[in-house]
Amino acid sequence: PHSVAVLPFENFSAEASDALFADGLADTVLHQLAQLRQIKVIARNSSFAYKGSNVDVRKVGAELGVASVLEGSVQRQGERIRVIAQLVETRDGSHLW
């Protein structure tokens, strides 16, 4: 029941280089979650296959066999970067946080 796929974070910034930051942030979150023994974390190569696609998390859950998906975005606003992350239940698409 404690399984998650960390999807690539979307880059909503005007700067294309911020896409590397978004990928790095998702990688870091994935790595940190993978350190927790009680959570099964899907490998980066599997979860990053969804990069650039607007796929329903219920489909991701079925294809990867996970109970939840962590998705997010980054957006630069001047000197600030806004990071939004949300954990979604793949069974019904509802937000856990």
C-alpha atoms as a PDB file:
ATOM      1  CA  PRO A   1       0.000   0.000   0.000  1.00  0.00           C
ATOM      2  CA  HIS A   2       2.935   2.366   0.526  1.00  0.00           C
ATOM      3  CA  SER A   3       4.189   2.753  -3.007  1.00  0.00           C
ATOM      4  CA  VAL A   4       4.859   5.909  -4.984  1.00  0.00           C
ATOM      5  CA  ALA A   5       6.055   7.092  -8.362  1.00  0.00           C
ATOM      6  CA  VAL A   6       7.683  10.527  -8.500  1.00  0.00           C
ATOM      7  CA  LEU A   7       6.788  12.045 -11.846  1.00  0.00           C
ATOM      8  CA  PRO A   8       8.988  14.665 -13.513  1.00  0.00           C
ATOM      9  CA  PHE A   9       8.113  18.146 -12.288  1.00  0.00           C
ATOM     10  CA  GLU A  10       6.683  20.526 -14.881  1.00  0.00           C
ATOM     11  CA  ASN A  11       8.624  23.667 -15.755  1.00  0.00           C
ATOM     12  CA  PHE A  12       6.227  26.623 -15.862  1.00  0.00           C
ATOM     13  CA  SER A  13       9.054  29.158 -16.147  1.00  0.00           C
ATOM     14  CA  ALA A  14       9.905  31.140 -19.241  1.00  0.00           C
ATOM     15  CA  GLU A  15      13.501  29.946 -18.902  1.00  0.00           C
ATOM     16  CA  ALA A  16      14.089  26.608 -20.606  1.00  0.00           C
ATOM     17  CA  SER A  17      17.095  26.025 -18.344  1.00  0.00           C
ATOM     18  CA  ASP A  18      14.724  25.784 -15.387  1.00  0.00           C
ATOM     19  CA  ALA A  19      13.627  22.419 -16.795  1.00  0.00           C
ATOM     20  CA  LEU A  20      16.953  21.004 -15.575  1.00  0.00           C
ATOM     21  CA  PHE A  21      16.216  22.388 -12.128  1.00  0.00           C
ATOM     22  CA  ALA A  22      12.748  20.795 -12.214  1.00  0.00           C
ATOM     23  CA  ASP A  23      14.228  17.414 -13.175  1.00  0.00           C
ATOM     24  CA  GLY A  24      16.881  17.698 -10.501  1.00  0.00           C
ATOM     25  CA  LEU A  25      14.294  18.544  -7.869  1.00  0.00           C
ATOM     26  CA  ALA A  26      12.175  15.517  -8.788  1.00  0.00           C
ATOM     27  CA  ASP A  27      15.330  13.357  -8.724  1.00  0.00           C
ATOM     28  CA  THR A  28      16.195  14.609  -5.247  1.00  0.00           C
ATOM     29  CA  VAL A  29      12.712  13.933  -3.902  1.00  0.00           C
ATOM     30  CA  LEU A  30      12.739  10.455  -5.462  1.00  0.00           C
ATOM     31  CA  HIS A  31      16.130   9.696  -3.933  1.00  0.00           C
ATOM     32  CA  GLN A  32      15.082  10.896  -0.472  1.00  0.00           C
ATOM     33  CA  LEU A  33      11.875   8.853  -0.536  1.00  0.00           C
ATOM     34  CA  ALA A  34      13.805   5.779  -1.679  1.00  0.00           C
ATOM     35  CA  GLN A  35      15.832   5.966   1.557  1.00  0.00           C
ATOM     36  CA  LEU A  36      12.685   5.110   3.537  1.00  0.00           C
ATOM     37  CA  ARG A  37      12.376   1.339   3.852  1.00  0.00           C
ATOM     38  CA  GLN A  38       8.619   1.435   4.390  1.00  0.00           C
ATOM     39  CA  ILE A  39       7.946   3.022   0.983  1.00  0.00           C
ATOM     40  CA  LYS A  40       8.354   1.302  -2.376  1.00  0.00           C
ATOM     41  CA  VAL A  41       9.587   3.931  -4.855  1.00  0.00           C
ATOM     42  CA  ILE A  42       9.475   3.290  -8.582  1.00  0.00           C
ATOM     43  CA  ALA A  43      12.755   3.784 -10.454  1.00  0.00           C
ATOM     44  CA  ARG A  44      13.470   7.081 -12.176  1.00  0.00           C
ATOM     45  CA  ASN A  45      13.611   5.533 -15.657  1.00  0.00           C
ATOM     46  CA  SER A  46      10.085   4.185 -15.227  1.00  0.00           C
ATOM     47  CA  SER A  47       8.520   7.321 -13.767  1.00  0.00           C
ATOM     48  CA  PHE A  48      10.359   9.749 -16.073  1.00  0.00           C
ATOM     49  CA  ALA A  49       8.924   7.918 -19.096  1.00  0.00           C
ATOM     50  CA  TYR A  50       5.876  10.140 -18.481  1.00  0.00           C
ATOM     51  CA  LYS A  51       7.847  13.364 -18.950  1.00  0.00           C
ATOM     52  CA  GLY A  52       6.017  15.809 -21.173  1.00  0.00           C
ATOM     53  CA  SER A  53       2.783  13.831 -21.148  1.00  0.00           C
ATOM     54  CA  ASN A  54      -0.429  14.805 -19.434  1.00  0.00           C
ATOM     55  CA  VAL A  55      -1.416  11.301 -18.363  1.00  0.00           C
ATOM     56  CA  ASP A  56      -4.094  10.524 -15.791  1.00  0.00           C
ATOM     57  CA  VAL A  57      -2.572   9.430 -12.471  1.00  0.00           C
ATOM     58  CA  ARG A  58      -5.006   6.506 -12.332  1.00  0.00           C
ATOM     59  CA  LYS A  59      -3.400   5.181 -15.511  1.00  0.00           C
ATOM     60  CA  VAL A  60       0.094   5.746 -14.078  1.00  0.00           C
ATOM     61  CA  GLY A  61      -0.916   3.831 -10.963  1.00  0.00           C
ATOM     62  CA  ALA A  62      -2.174   0.901 -12.984  1.00  0.00           C
ATOM     63  CA  GLU A  63       0.849   0.814 -15.302  1.00  0.00           C
ATOM     64  CA  LEU A  64       3.480   1.156 -12.566  1.00  0.00           C
ATOM     65  CA  GLY A  65       1.625  -0.646  -9.789  1.00  0.00           C
ATOM     66  CA  VAL A  66       1.735   2.220  -7.281  1.00  0.00           C
ATOM     67  CA  ALA A  67      -0.792   3.491  -4.773  1.00  0.00           C
ATOM     68  CA  SER A  68       0.213   7.139  -5.135  1.00  0.00           C
ATOM     69  CA  VAL A  69       1.932   9.580  -7.432  1.00  0.00           C
ATOM     70  CA  LEU A  70       3.963  12.628  -6.448  1.00  0.00           C
ATOM     71  CA  GLU A  71       3.716  15.316  -9.098  1.00  0.00           C
ATOM     72  CA  GLY A  72       4.721  18.938  -9.102  1.00  0.00           C
ATOM     73  CA  SER A  73       5.862  22.036 -10.875  1.00  0.00           C
ATOM     74  CA  VAL A  74       8.409  24.816 -10.648  1.00  0.00           C
ATOM     75  CA  GLN A  75       7.980  28.414 -11.725  1.00  0.00           C
ATOM     76  CA  ARG A  76      10.518  31.218 -11.570  1.00  0.00           C
ATOM     77  CA  GLN A  77       9.236  34.684 -10.707  1.00  0.00           C
ATOM     78  CA  GLY A  78      12.142  37.092 -10.728  1.00  0.00           C
ATOM     79  CA  GLU A  79      14.585  35.924  -8.066  1.00  0.00           C
ATOM     80  CA  ARG A  80      12.074  33.526  -6.517  1.00  0.00           C
ATOM     81  CA  ILE A  81      11.198  29.989  -7.476  1.00  0.00           C
ATOM     82  CA  ARG A  82       7.797  28.587  -6.607  1.00  0.00           C
ATOM     83  CA  VAL A  83       7.689  24.830  -6.113  1.00  0.00           C
ATOM     84  CA  ILE A  84       4.381  23.035  -5.898  1.00  0.00           C
ATOM     85  CA  ALA A  85       4.129  19.336  -5.089  1.00  0.00           C
ATOM     86  CA  GLN A  86       1.112  17.153  -4.520  1.00  0.00           C
ATOM     87  CA  LEU A  87       0.617  13.552  -3.563  1.00  0.00           C
ATOM     88  CA  VAL A  88      -2.273  11.936  -5.429  1.00  0.00           C
ATOM     89  CA  GLU A  89      -4.061   8.654  -4.730  1.00  0.00           C
ATOM     90  CA  THR A  90      -3.967   6.605  -7.949  1.00  0.00           C
ATOM     91  CA  ARG A  91      -7.074   4.603  -7.080  1.00  0.00           C
ATOM     92  CA  ASP A  92      -9.425   7.574  -7.513  1.00  0.00           C
ATOM     93  CA  GLY A  93      -7.256  10.593  -8.409  1.00  0.00           C
ATOM     94  CA  SER A  94      -7.890  12.367  -5.097  1.00  0.00           C
ATOM     95  CA  HIS A  95      -5.297  14.549  -3.414  1.00  0.00           C
ATOM     96  CA  LEU A  96      -3.679  13.155  -0.280  1.00  0.00           C
ATOM     97  CA  TRP A  97      -1.694  16.385   0.269  1.00  0.00           C
END
